[in-house]
């Protein structure tokens, strides 16, 4: 049990500087581009959920977090936020890649998720 805790602490200490630097870079980029991004997102109008579902397919929790921040700042609608949440692939892709699932199967699943999400959006 002690070995598990020790390994966890060592891995956390190794990862912390990388996460800190990544966070600082993301905050700097967001600060420099926030007005342009907000204006572009506001102009997207009804296409917000469509764009959100495209961005959500890319596996990175940053999109979900960014969408949540934009929603809390009243930049995007609830529909766009839900679209991003429904289409995110953060949990699925690492598991499928680690199990050596065929790239064709992964792409098929991503496309199905994209089309289902946008079919719902089109009919609402």
Protein backbone atom coordinates (compact mmCIF):
# COMPACT_ATOMS: atom_id res chain seq x y z
CA UNK A 1 0.00 0.00 0.00
CA UNK A 2 2.82 2.37 0.85
CA UNK A 3 4.39 1.68 -2.55
CA UNK A 4 1.20 2.78 -4.32
CA UNK A 5 1.12 6.07 -2.43
CA UNK A 6 4.81 6.64 -3.09
CA UNK A 7 4.44 6.00 -6.84
CA UNK A 8 1.40 8.26 -6.96
CA UNK A 9 3.27 11.11 -5.29
CA UNK A 10 6.31 10.70 -7.55
CA UNK A 11 4.15 10.70 -10.69
CA UNK A 12 2.24 13.74 -9.45
CA UNK A 13 5.45 15.65 -8.74
CA UNK A 14 6.73 14.81 -12.23
CA UNK A 15 3.50 15.94 -13.88
CA UNK A 16 2.85 19.12 -11.90
CA UNK A 17 5.40 21.39 -13.70
CA UNK A 18 4.07 20.31 -17.10
CA UNK A 19 0.48 21.02 -16.06
CA UNK A 20 1.43 24.39 -14.59
CA UNK A 21 3.25 25.48 -17.74
CA UNK A 22 0.39 24.24 -19.94
CA UNK A 23 -2.14 26.09 -17.81
CA UNK A 24 -0.14 29.34 -17.93
CA UNK A 25 0.24 29.11 -21.72
CA UNK A 26 -3.49 28.45 -22.16
CA UNK A 27 -4.38 31.39 -19.92
CA UNK A 28 -2.01 33.66 -21.86
CA UNK A 29 -3.50 32.61 -25.20
CA UNK A 30 -7.04 32.98 -23.85
CA UNK A 31 -6.24 36.43 -22.49
CA UNK A 32 -4.76 37.59 -25.81
CA UNK A 33 -7.54 36.18 -28.00
CA UNK A 34 -10.59 36.31 -25.74
CA UNK A 35 -12.29 39.31 -27.37
CA UNK A 36 -11.89 37.93 -30.90
CA UNK A 37 -13.10 34.50 -29.85
CA UNK A 38 -16.11 35.87 -28.00
CA UNK A 39 -17.12 38.01 -30.97
CA UNK A 40 -16.76 35.09 -33.37
CA UNK A 41 -18.78 32.82 -31.09
CA UNK A 42 -21.52 35.41 -30.67
CA UNK A 43 -21.75 35.73 -34.46
CA UNK A 44 -22.17 31.96 -34.88
CA UNK A 45 -25.81 32.20 -33.76
CA UNK A 46 -27.78 29.06 -34.59
CA UNK A 47 -24.62 27.33 -35.81
CA UNK A 48 -23.11 27.37 -32.30
CA UNK A 49 -24.17 23.79 -31.47
CA UNK A 50 -22.85 22.57 -34.83
CA UNK A 51 -19.46 24.21 -34.24
CA UNK A 52 -19.46 22.98 -30.64
CA UNK A 53 -20.04 19.40 -31.75
CA UNK A 54 -17.13 19.61 -34.20
CA UNK A 55 -14.79 20.95 -31.50
CA UNK A 56 -16.07 18.41 -29.01
CA UNK A 57 -15.01 15.47 -31.15
CA UNK A 58 -11.36 16.39 -30.60
CA UNK A 59 -10.29 14.65 -27.39
CA UNK A 60 -9.15 17.25 -24.93
CA UNK A 61 -10.92 18.26 -21.76
CA UNK A 62 -9.96 21.85 -22.55
CA UNK A 63 -12.88 22.17 -24.93
CA UNK A 64 -15.40 21.17 -22.29
CA UNK A 65 -13.81 23.49 -19.76
CA UNK A 66 -13.66 26.33 -22.27
CA UNK A 67 -17.28 25.78 -23.24
CA UNK A 68 -18.30 25.86 -19.59
CA UNK A 69 -16.43 29.14 -19.08
CA UNK A 70 -18.02 30.64 -22.19
CA UNK A 71 -21.47 29.54 -21.00
CA UNK A 72 -20.94 31.03 -17.55
CA UNK A 73 -19.90 34.30 -19.21
CA UNK A 74 -23.12 34.14 -21.30
CA UNK A 75 -21.19 33.95 -24.56
CA UNK A 76 -22.64 30.64 -25.76
CA UNK A 77 -26.09 29.15 -25.30
CA UNK A 78 -27.06 26.13 -23.25
CA UNK A 79 -27.60 24.21 -26.50
CA UNK A 80 -24.03 24.82 -27.57
CA UNK A 81 -22.73 23.77 -24.16
CA UNK A 82 -24.73 20.55 -24.26
CA UNK A 83 -23.53 19.93 -27.81
CA UNK A 84 -19.92 20.11 -26.68
CA UNK A 85 -20.59 17.84 -23.71
CA UNK A 86 -22.40 15.26 -25.82
CA UNK A 87 -19.73 15.08 -28.47
CA UNK A 88 -16.59 15.09 -26.33
CA UNK A 89 -14.48 11.99 -26.70
CA UNK A 90 -12.13 12.36 -23.75
CA UNK A 91 -12.93 9.06 -22.09
CA UNK A 92 -13.57 6.92 -25.15
CA UNK A 93 -10.50 7.58 -27.27
CA UNK A 94 -7.69 6.83 -24.79
CA UNK A 95 -9.36 3.56 -23.82
CA UNK A 96 -9.89 2.49 -27.42
CA UNK A 97 -6.36 3.46 -28.42
CA UNK A 98 -4.88 1.60 -25.46
CA UNK A 99 -6.82 -1.51 -26.54
CA UNK A 100 -5.48 -1.22 -30.12
CA UNK A 101 -8.92 -0.65 -31.64
CA UNK A 102 -8.78 -0.06 -35.40
CA UNK A 103 -8.62 3.58 -36.47
CA UNK A 104 -11.54 2.89 -38.81
CA UNK A 105 -13.75 1.85 -35.89
CA UNK A 106 -12.74 4.95 -33.91
CA UNK A 107 -13.47 7.24 -36.86
CA UNK A 108 -16.83 5.55 -37.45
CA UNK A 109 -17.84 6.12 -33.83
CA UNK A 110 -16.75 9.77 -33.96
CA UNK A 111 -18.70 10.35 -37.17
CA UNK A 112 -21.79 8.64 -35.77
CA UNK A 113 -21.61 10.84 -32.65
CA UNK A 114 -21.20 13.91 -34.84
CA UNK A 115 -24.14 13.06 -37.10
CA UNK A 116 -26.47 12.08 -34.26
CA UNK A 117 -25.72 15.28 -32.40
CA UNK A 118 -26.26 17.44 -35.46
CA UNK A 119 -29.40 15.54 -36.54
CA UNK A 120 -30.88 16.39 -33.14
CA UNK A 121 -29.79 20.01 -33.58
CA UNK A 122 -31.30 20.25 -37.07
CA UNK A 123 -34.70 18.91 -36.02
CA UNK A 124 -35.04 21.13 -32.94
